[in-house]
N, C-alpha and C. Protein backbone atom coordinates (compact mmCIF):
# COMPACT_ATOMS: atom_id res chain seq x y z
N MET A 1 0.40 -1.34 -0.26
CA MET A 1 0.40 -0.13 -0.17
C MET A 1 0.64 0.88 0.07
N SER A 2 1.78 1.20 -0.70
CA SER A 2 2.89 2.58 -0.86
C SER A 2 2.61 3.35 -1.59
N LYS A 3 1.54 2.79 -2.91
CA LYS A 3 1.42 3.75 -3.44
C LYS A 3 -1.05 4.06 -3.17
N VAL A 4 -0.58 5.59 -4.14
CA VAL A 4 -2.08 5.32 -3.78
C VAL A 4 -2.76 6.19 -5.41
N GLY A 5 -3.31 6.23 -5.78
CA GLY A 5 -4.38 5.99 -6.80
C GLY A 5 -5.72 7.18 -6.64
N THR A 6 -5.56 7.55 -7.49
CA THR A 6 -6.72 8.32 -7.92
C THR A 6 -8.60 7.54 -8.00
N GLY A 7 -9.34 7.55 -7.56
CA GLY A 7 -10.90 6.81 -7.87
C GLY A 7 -11.92 6.97 -6.77
N LEU A 8 -12.30 6.21 -6.33
CA LEU A 8 -13.59 6.48 -5.63
C LEU A 8 -13.14 6.13 -4.16
N LEU A 9 -11.25 5.77 -3.43
CA LEU A 9 -11.43 6.07 -2.17
C LEU A 9 -10.87 7.04 -1.71
N HIS A 10 -11.35 7.94 -0.50
CA HIS A 10 -11.22 9.04 -0.09
C HIS A 10 -9.47 9.47 0.35
N GLU A 11 -9.11 10.13 0.64
CA GLU A 11 -7.61 10.27 0.45
C GLU A 11 -7.39 10.01 2.17
N ALA A 12 -8.14 10.97 2.90
CA ALA A 12 -8.25 10.27 4.87
C ALA A 12 -8.10 8.93 5.14
N LEU A 13 -9.20 8.38 3.86
CA LEU A 13 -9.54 6.76 4.85
C LEU A 13 -8.53 6.24 4.62
N VAL A 14 -7.92 6.60 3.20
CA VAL A 14 -6.67 5.67 2.60
C VAL A 14 -5.36 5.63 4.22
N SER A 15 -5.14 6.78 4.26
CA SER A 15 -4.15 7.43 5.74
C SER A 15 -4.15 6.84 6.60
N VAL A 16 -5.41 6.69 7.05
CA VAL A 16 -6.16 5.73 8.69
C VAL A 16 -6.32 4.58 8.36
N VAL A 17 -6.33 3.84 7.20
CA VAL A 17 -6.08 2.60 6.82
C VAL A 17 -4.80 2.18 6.95
N MET A 18 -4.42 3.44 6.52
CA MET A 18 -2.27 2.50 6.15
C MET A 18 -1.98 2.55 6.93
N ASP A 19 -2.20 3.33 8.91
CA ASP A 19 -2.12 4.08 9.99
C ASP A 19 -2.72 2.92 10.43
N ARG A 20 -3.81 2.05 10.93
CA ARG A 20 -4.37 0.60 11.08
C ARG A 20 -3.56 -0.18 11.06
N TRP A 21 -3.63 0.11 9.71
CA TRP A 21 -2.84 -1.70 9.02
C TRP A 21 -1.47 -2.25 10.34
N LYS A 22 -0.55 -0.83 10.18
CA LYS A 22 0.38 -1.16 10.77
C LYS A 22 0.48 -2.07 12.72
N THR A 23 -1.79 -1.86 13.13
CA THR A 23 -1.48 -1.98 14.51
C THR A 23 -2.10 -3.33 14.75
N GLY A 24 -2.10 -4.08 13.10
CA GLY A 24 -3.38 -5.50 13.56
C GLY A 24 -4.29 -5.29 12.56
N GLY A 25 -3.86 -4.80 11.34
CA GLY A 25 -5.13 -4.74 10.19
C GLY A 25 -6.59 -4.19 10.49
N VAL A 26 -7.00 -4.35 8.90
CA VAL A 26 -8.31 -3.82 8.37
C VAL A 26 -9.37 -4.29 7.66
N VAL A 27 -10.20 -4.33 7.85
CA VAL A 27 -11.56 -4.80 7.05
C VAL A 27 -11.84 -4.23 6.47
N ALA A 28 -12.88 -4.22 4.97
CA ALA A 28 -13.48 -3.14 4.08
C ALA A 28 -14.25 -3.53 4.69
N LEU A 29 -15.58 -3.22 4.70
CA LEU A 29 -17.29 -4.04 3.74
C LEU A 29 -18.11 -3.26 2.99
N TYR A 30 -18.16 -3.73 1.83
CA TYR A 30 -18.96 -2.50 0.78
C TYR A 30 -20.29 -3.54 1.10
N VAL A 31 -21.35 -2.21 1.00
CA VAL A 31 -22.91 -2.61 0.74
C VAL A 31 -23.33 -1.63 0.41
N GLU A 32 -24.25 -2.93 -1.20
CA GLU A 32 -24.46 -1.93 -2.12
C GLU A 32 -26.45 -2.59 -1.43
N PHE A 33 -27.15 -1.16 -1.60
CA PHE A 33 -29.13 -1.78 -1.46
C PHE A 33 -29.71 -1.32 -2.78
N MET A 34 -30.34 -1.60 -2.53
CA MET A 34 -31.94 -1.08 -3.72
C MET A 34 -31.82 0.23 -3.05
N PRO A 35 -33.02 0.91 -3.78
CA PRO A 35 -33.11 1.98 -3.99
C PRO A 35 -34.07 2.06 -2.67
N SER A 36 -34.74 0.73 -2.73
CA SER A 36 -36.86 0.90 -1.99
C SER A 36 -35.97 -0.22 -0.94
N ARG A 37 -35.07 0.06 -0.03
CA ARG A 37 -34.20 -1.10 1.01
C ARG A 37 -33.43 -0.25 2.05
N HIS A 38 -34.24 1.25 2.67
CA HIS A 38 -33.83 1.45 3.13
C HIS A 38 -34.01 1.31 4.94
N GLU A 39 -34.88 0.54 4.99
CA GLU A 39 -34.80 -0.21 6.03
C GLU A 39 -33.63 -0.99 6.49
N LEU A 40 -32.83 -1.48 5.78
CA LEU A 40 -32.23 -1.99 5.57
C LEU A 40 -30.48 -1.16 5.54
N SER A 41 -30.95 0.11 5.25
CA SER A 41 -29.27 1.22 5.38
C SER A 41 -29.30 1.25 6.97
N LEU A 42 -31.10 1.08 7.42
CA LEU A 42 -31.03 2.11 9.25
C LEU A 42 -30.70 0.26 9.62
N ALA A 43 -30.88 -0.44 10.20
CA ALA A 43 -29.99 -1.70 10.48
C ALA A 43 -28.76 -1.43 10.59
N ILE A 44 -27.87 -1.50 9.29
CA ILE A 44 -26.63 -0.90 8.97
C ILE A 44 -25.50 -0.15 10.21
N ASP A 45 -26.59 1.08 10.22
CA ASP A 45 -26.16 2.27 10.81
C ASP A 45 -26.30 1.55 12.22
N LYS A 46 -27.78 0.89 12.54
CA LYS A 46 -27.65 0.59 13.91
C LYS A 46 -26.59 -0.09 14.47
N TRP A 47 -26.54 -0.87 13.69
CA TRP A 47 -24.93 -2.49 14.31
C TRP A 47 -23.71 -1.30 14.22
N ALA A 48 -23.80 -0.50 13.37
CA ALA A 48 -21.90 0.40 13.22
C ALA A 48 -22.00 0.80 14.15
N ALA A 49 -22.95 1.61 14.88
CA ALA A 49 -22.71 2.57 15.98
C ALA A 49 -22.27 1.84 17.44
N SER A 50 -22.77 0.51 17.18
CA SER A 50 -22.62 -1.04 18.17
C SER A 50 -21.09 -1.22 17.82
N GLU A 51 -20.40 -0.89 17.21
CA GLU A 51 -19.35 -1.62 16.94
C GLU A 51 -17.97 -0.49 17.09
N PRO A 52 -17.95 -0.77 18.45
CA PRO A 52 -16.14 0.32 18.62
C PRO A 52 -14.99 0.34 17.55
N GLY A 53 -14.87 -1.06 16.67
CA GLY A 53 -14.17 -0.89 16.31
C GLY A 53 -13.62 -0.15 14.49
N ILE A 54 -14.93 0.11 14.41
CA ILE A 54 -15.18 0.62 13.14
C ILE A 54 -14.78 2.53 13.23
N PHE A 55 -14.12 2.94 12.19
CA PHE A 55 -13.71 4.00 12.70
C PHE A 55 -13.82 4.66 11.12
N TRP A 56 -14.68 4.32 10.02
CA TRP A 56 -14.83 5.46 8.93
C TRP A 56 -16.03 4.23 8.71
N LYS A 57 -17.10 5.92 8.18
CA LYS A 57 -18.43 5.26 7.72
C LYS A 57 -18.38 6.35 6.33
N GLN A 58 -18.66 5.46 4.83
CA GLN A 58 -18.54 6.51 3.85
C GLN A 58 -19.76 5.78 2.94
N TYR A 59 -21.29 7.31 2.77
CA TYR A 59 -21.71 7.02 1.80
C TYR A 59 -21.92 7.26 0.33
N LEU A 60 -21.57 6.64 -0.64
CA LEU A 60 -21.47 6.47 -2.22
C LEU A 60 -23.07 6.59 -3.12
N VAL A 61 -23.10 7.94 -3.06
CA VAL A 61 -24.53 8.14 -3.82
C VAL A 61 -24.51 8.46 -5.44
N LEU A 62 -24.73 7.61 -6.07
CA LEU A 62 -25.05 7.95 -7.45
C LEU A 62 -25.35 9.04 -8.04
N ALA A 63 -25.10 9.93 -9.13
CA ALA A 63 -25.68 11.14 -9.17
C ALA A 63 -26.67 10.33 -10.38
């Protein structure tokens, strides 16, 4: 992970991941919902709020 290109990743996220990688590892979770599944998004938010190890959340919205 010494080179970073441009794309969907946020620069600050890449920096935090690199720092945390040094102390034990990182897991990335990508979830894509159908537009009519807002309740699933709320369930993921509730779960994420209860997990102390989560250090970044980012929502990507198609324009």
